[in-house]
Amino acid sequence: MIHGIGIDVVEVARMQVWLDKPDILNRYFFPAELADIRSRGDSAVLSLAARFAAKEAYGKALGTGMRGIRLKDIQVQNDEHGKPEMLLHGTAADALRRSGAWRVHLSMSHEREHALAMVVIETREQ
């Protein structure tokens, strides 16, 4: 059963300045996320924008927004097949448990000017 759906769009140009600001990056992203973003060369800013959109979409899908949730507690990575997934830690995991939901689905896309993420949060059938 669907608990919530969240979608977020980020302007890629807005994220470009973040690549040169380690204090911002370290506040919002896990070290493993930053390593993956930096490994993408010229498309690093696209990956950064998509991951940020995913974190924002999570709060929308949860239905509470980001109140009380640290963005860094939402880790976006790819599985062995390249499928994006979220690993939730700390405040983000607590918020999911409190909501009664149990599974998070993530899809991300980007093009030159915009990045988009969609999160679907699922509850167990009743």
C-alpha atoms as a PDB file:
ATOM      1  CA  MET A   1       0.000   0.000   0.000  1.00  0.00           C
ATOM      2  CA  ILE A   2       1.312   3.478  -0.870  1.00  0.00           C
ATOM      3  CA  HIS A   3       2.048   5.749   2.090  1.00  0.00           C
ATOM      4  CA  GLY A   4       3.197   8.699  -0.021  1.00  0.00           C
ATOM      5  CA  ILE A   5       4.788   9.938  -3.229  1.00  0.00           C
ATOM      6  CA  GLY A   6       7.304  12.766  -3.379  1.00  0.00           C
ATOM      7  CA  ILE A   7       8.823  14.488  -6.397  1.00  0.00           C
ATOM      8  CA  ASP A   8      11.468  17.188  -6.460  1.00  0.00           C
ATOM      9  CA  VAL A   9      13.157  19.080  -9.302  1.00  0.00           C
ATOM     10  CA  VAL A  10      16.489  20.863  -8.872  1.00  0.00           C
ATOM     11  CA  GLU A  11      18.100  23.386 -11.187  1.00  0.00           C
ATOM     12  CA  VAL A  12      21.549  21.969 -11.976  1.00  0.00           C
ATOM     13  CA  ALA A  13      23.228  25.395 -12.254  1.00  0.00           C
ATOM     14  CA  ARG A  14      22.265  26.125  -8.639  1.00  0.00           C
ATOM     15  CA  MET A  15      24.247  23.072  -7.524  1.00  0.00           C
ATOM     16  CA  GLN A  16      27.412  23.949  -9.460  1.00  0.00           C
ATOM     17  CA  VAL A  17      28.630  26.342  -6.757  1.00  0.00           C
ATOM     18  CA  TRP A  18      28.230  23.608  -4.115  1.00  0.00           C
ATOM     19  CA  LEU A  19      31.002  21.537  -5.713  1.00  0.00           C
ATOM     20  CA  ASP A  20      33.526  24.095  -4.433  1.00  0.00           C
ATOM     21  CA  LYS A  21      32.018  24.371  -0.934  1.00  0.00           C
ATOM     22  CA  PRO A  22      33.073  21.379   1.171  1.00  0.00           C
ATOM     23  CA  ASP A  23      31.281  22.715   4.259  1.00  0.00           C
ATOM     24  CA  ILE A  24      27.923  22.537   2.452  1.00  0.00           C
ATOM     25  CA  LEU A  25      28.674  19.163   0.876  1.00  0.00           C
ATOM     26  CA  ASN A  26      29.761  17.644   4.191  1.00  0.00           C
ATOM     27  CA  ARG A  27      26.637  18.963   5.901  1.00  0.00           C
ATOM     28  CA  TYR A  28      24.250  17.301   3.428  1.00  0.00           C
ATOM     29  CA  PHE A  29      26.046  14.249   2.023  1.00  0.00           C
ATOM     30  CA  PHE A  30      27.648  11.046   3.292  1.00  0.00           C
ATOM     31  CA  PRO A  31      31.361  10.552   2.494  1.00  0.00           C
ATOM     32  CA  ALA A  32      30.468   7.622   0.203  1.00  0.00           C
ATOM     33  CA  GLU A  33      28.008   9.839  -1.689  1.00  0.00           C
ATOM     34  CA  LEU A  34      30.646  12.528  -2.148  1.00  0.00           C
ATOM     35  CA  ALA A  35      33.196   9.988  -3.385  1.00  0.00           C
ATOM     36  CA  ASP A  36      30.708   8.716  -5.960  1.00  0.00           C
ATOM     37  CA  ILE A  37      29.743  12.240  -7.040  1.00  0.00           C
ATOM     38  CA  ARG A  38      33.388  13.250  -7.491  1.00  0.00           C
ATOM     39  CA  SER A  39      34.150  10.073  -9.455  1.00  0.00           C
ATOM     40  CA  ARG A  40      31.696  11.143 -12.166  1.00  0.00           C
ATOM     41  CA  GLY A  41      33.977  13.801 -13.660  1.00  0.00           C
ATOM     42  CA  ASP A  42      32.103  16.270 -15.853  1.00  0.00           C
ATOM     43  CA  SER A  43      28.724  14.869 -14.789  1.00  0.00           C
ATOM     44  CA  ALA A  44      29.424  15.310 -11.046  1.00  0.00           C
ATOM     45  CA  VAL A  45      27.059  18.268 -10.778  1.00  0.00           C
ATOM     46  CA  LEU A  46      24.244  16.228 -12.368  1.00  0.00           C
ATOM     47  CA  SER A  47      24.723  13.474  -9.791  1.00  0.00           C
ATOM     48  CA  LEU A  48      24.851  16.034  -6.974  1.00  0.00           C
ATOM     49  CA  ALA A  49      21.624  17.675  -8.136  1.00  0.00           C
ATOM     50  CA  ALA A  50      19.785  14.354  -8.523  1.00  0.00           C
ATOM     51  CA  ARG A  51      20.845  13.189  -5.055  1.00  0.00           C
ATOM     52  CA  PHE A  52      19.769  16.455  -3.476  1.00  0.00           C
ATOM     53  CA  ALA A  53      16.405  16.188  -5.247  1.00  0.00           C
ATOM     54  CA  ALA A  54      16.057  12.625  -3.898  1.00  0.00           C
ATOM     55  CA  LYS A  55      16.596  13.784  -0.324  1.00  0.00           C
ATOM     56  CA  GLU A  56      13.959  16.512  -0.702  1.00  0.00           C
ATOM     57  CA  ALA A  57      11.525  14.088  -2.373  1.00  0.00           C
ATOM     58  CA  TYR A  58      11.865  11.755   0.629  1.00  0.00           C
ATOM     59  CA  GLY A  59      10.423  14.389   2.966  1.00  0.00           C
ATOM     60  CA  LYS A  60       7.541  15.014   0.584  1.00  0.00           C
ATOM     61  CA  ALA A  61       6.745  11.297   0.275  1.00  0.00           C
ATOM     62  CA  LEU A  62       6.865  10.928   4.042  1.00  0.00           C
ATOM     63  CA  GLY A  63       4.211  13.633   4.295  1.00  0.00           C
ATOM     64  CA  THR A  64       5.995  15.590   7.009  1.00  0.00           C
ATOM     65  CA  GLY A  65       8.505  17.535   4.976  1.00  0.00           C
ATOM     66  CA  MET A  66      12.068  17.691   6.283  1.00  0.00           C
ATOM     67  CA  ARG A  67      11.191  18.916   9.791  1.00  0.00           C
ATOM     68  CA  GLY A  68      13.471  17.095  12.198  1.00  0.00           C
ATOM     69  CA  ILE A  69      15.281  15.167   9.446  1.00  0.00           C
ATOM     70  CA  ARG A  70      18.948  15.785   8.662  1.00  0.00           C
ATOM     71  CA  LEU A  71      19.628  15.572   4.922  1.00  0.00           C
ATOM     72  CA  LYS A  72      22.874  13.776   5.691  1.00  0.00           C
ATOM     73  CA  ASP A  73      20.830  10.964   7.304  1.00  0.00           C
ATOM     74  CA  ILE A  74      19.488  10.124   3.833  1.00  0.00           C
ATOM     75  CA  GLN A  75      22.165   8.311   1.847  1.00  0.00           C
ATOM     76  CA  VAL A  76      21.631   7.835  -1.888  1.00  0.00           C
ATOM     77  CA  GLN A  77      23.638   5.143  -3.628  1.00  0.00           C
ATOM     78  CA  ASN A  78      23.367   2.712  -6.518  1.00  0.00           C
ATOM     79  CA  ASP A  79      23.002  -1.029  -6.106  1.00  0.00           C
ATOM     80  CA  GLU A  80      25.175  -3.504  -8.020  1.00  0.00           C
ATOM     81  CA  HIS A  81      22.949  -3.086 -11.106  1.00  0.00           C
ATOM     82  CA  GLY A  82      23.026   0.719 -11.021  1.00  0.00           C
ATOM     83  CA  LYS A  83      19.537   1.135  -9.558  1.00  0.00           C
ATOM     84  CA  PRO A  84      19.368   4.096  -7.154  1.00  0.00           C
ATOM     85  CA  GLU A  85      18.421   3.323  -3.571  1.00  0.00           C
ATOM     86  CA  MET A  86      18.169   5.109  -0.241  1.00  0.00           C
ATOM     87  CA  LEU A  87      19.835   4.039   2.959  1.00  0.00           C
ATOM     88  CA  LEU A  88      18.237   5.789   5.908  1.00  0.00           C
ATOM     89  CA  HIS A  89      20.123   6.601   9.086  1.00  0.00           C
ATOM     90  CA  GLY A  90      19.375   8.440  12.323  1.00  0.00           C
ATOM     91  CA  THR A  91      16.598  11.011  11.996  1.00  0.00           C
ATOM     92  CA  ALA A  92      15.500   9.792   8.539  1.00  0.00           C
ATOM     93  CA  ALA A  93      15.181   6.165   9.686  1.00  0.00           C
ATOM     94  CA  ASP A  94      13.333   7.249  12.841  1.00  0.00           C
ATOM     95  CA  ALA A  95      10.843   9.276  10.786  1.00  0.00           C
ATOM     96  CA  LEU A  96      10.153   6.291   8.526  1.00  0.00           C
ATOM     97  CA  ARG A  97       9.557   4.003  11.531  1.00  0.00           C
ATOM     98  CA  ARG A  98       7.218   6.528  13.167  1.00  0.00           C
ATOM     99  CA  SER A  99       5.189   6.770   9.961  1.00  0.00           C
ATOM    100  CA  GLY A 100       4.544   3.019   9.931  1.00  0.00           C
ATOM    101  CA  ALA A 101       6.056   2.743   6.457  1.00  0.00           C
ATOM    102  CA  TRP A 102       8.642   0.123   5.645  1.00  0.00           C
ATOM    103  CA  ARG A 103       9.964   0.407   2.094  1.00  0.00           C
ATOM    104  CA  VAL A 104      11.324   3.307   0.037  1.00  0.00           C
ATOM    105  CA  HIS A 105      11.529   3.281  -3.763  1.00  0.00           C
ATOM    106  CA  LEU A 106      13.638   5.852  -5.623  1.00  0.00           C
ATOM    107  CA  SER A 107      13.951   6.942  -9.229  1.00  0.00           C
ATOM    108  CA  MET A 108      16.195   9.769 -10.424  1.00  0.00           C
ATOM    109  CA  SER A 109      16.825  11.410 -13.765  1.00  0.00           C
ATOM    110  CA  HIS A 110      18.691  14.426 -15.050  1.00  0.00           C
ATOM    111  CA  GLU A 111      19.478  16.377 -18.153  1.00  0.00           C
ATOM    112  CA  ARG A 112      21.596  19.425 -18.768  1.00  0.00           C
ATOM    113  CA  GLU A 113      19.524  21.949 -16.797  1.00  0.00           C
ATOM    114  CA  HIS A 114      17.412  19.969 -14.332  1.00  0.00           C
ATOM    115  CA  ALA A 115      17.554  16.913 -12.102  1.00  0.00           C
ATOM    116  CA  LEU A 116      14.469  15.108 -10.868  1.00  0.00           C
ATOM    117  CA  ALA A 117      13.821  12.503  -8.203  1.00  0.00           C
ATOM    118  CA  MET A 118      10.703  10.580  -7.291  1.00  0.00           C
ATOM    119  CA  VAL A 119      10.295   8.690  -4.025  1.00  0.00           C
ATOM    120  CA  VAL A 120       7.490   6.260  -3.252  1.00  0.00           C
ATOM    121  CA  ILE A 121       7.096   5.124   0.348  1.00  0.00           C
ATOM    122  CA  GLU A 122       5.230   1.906   0.929  1.00  0.00           C
ATOM    123  CA  THR A 123       3.442   0.460   3.953  1.00  0.00           C
ATOM    124  CA  ARG A 124       2.695  -3.180   4.592  1.00  0.00           C
ATOM    125  CA  GLU A 125      -0.665  -4.439   3.322  1.00  0.00           C
ATOM    126  CA  GLN A 126      -3.308  -4.537   6.033  1.00  0.00           C
END
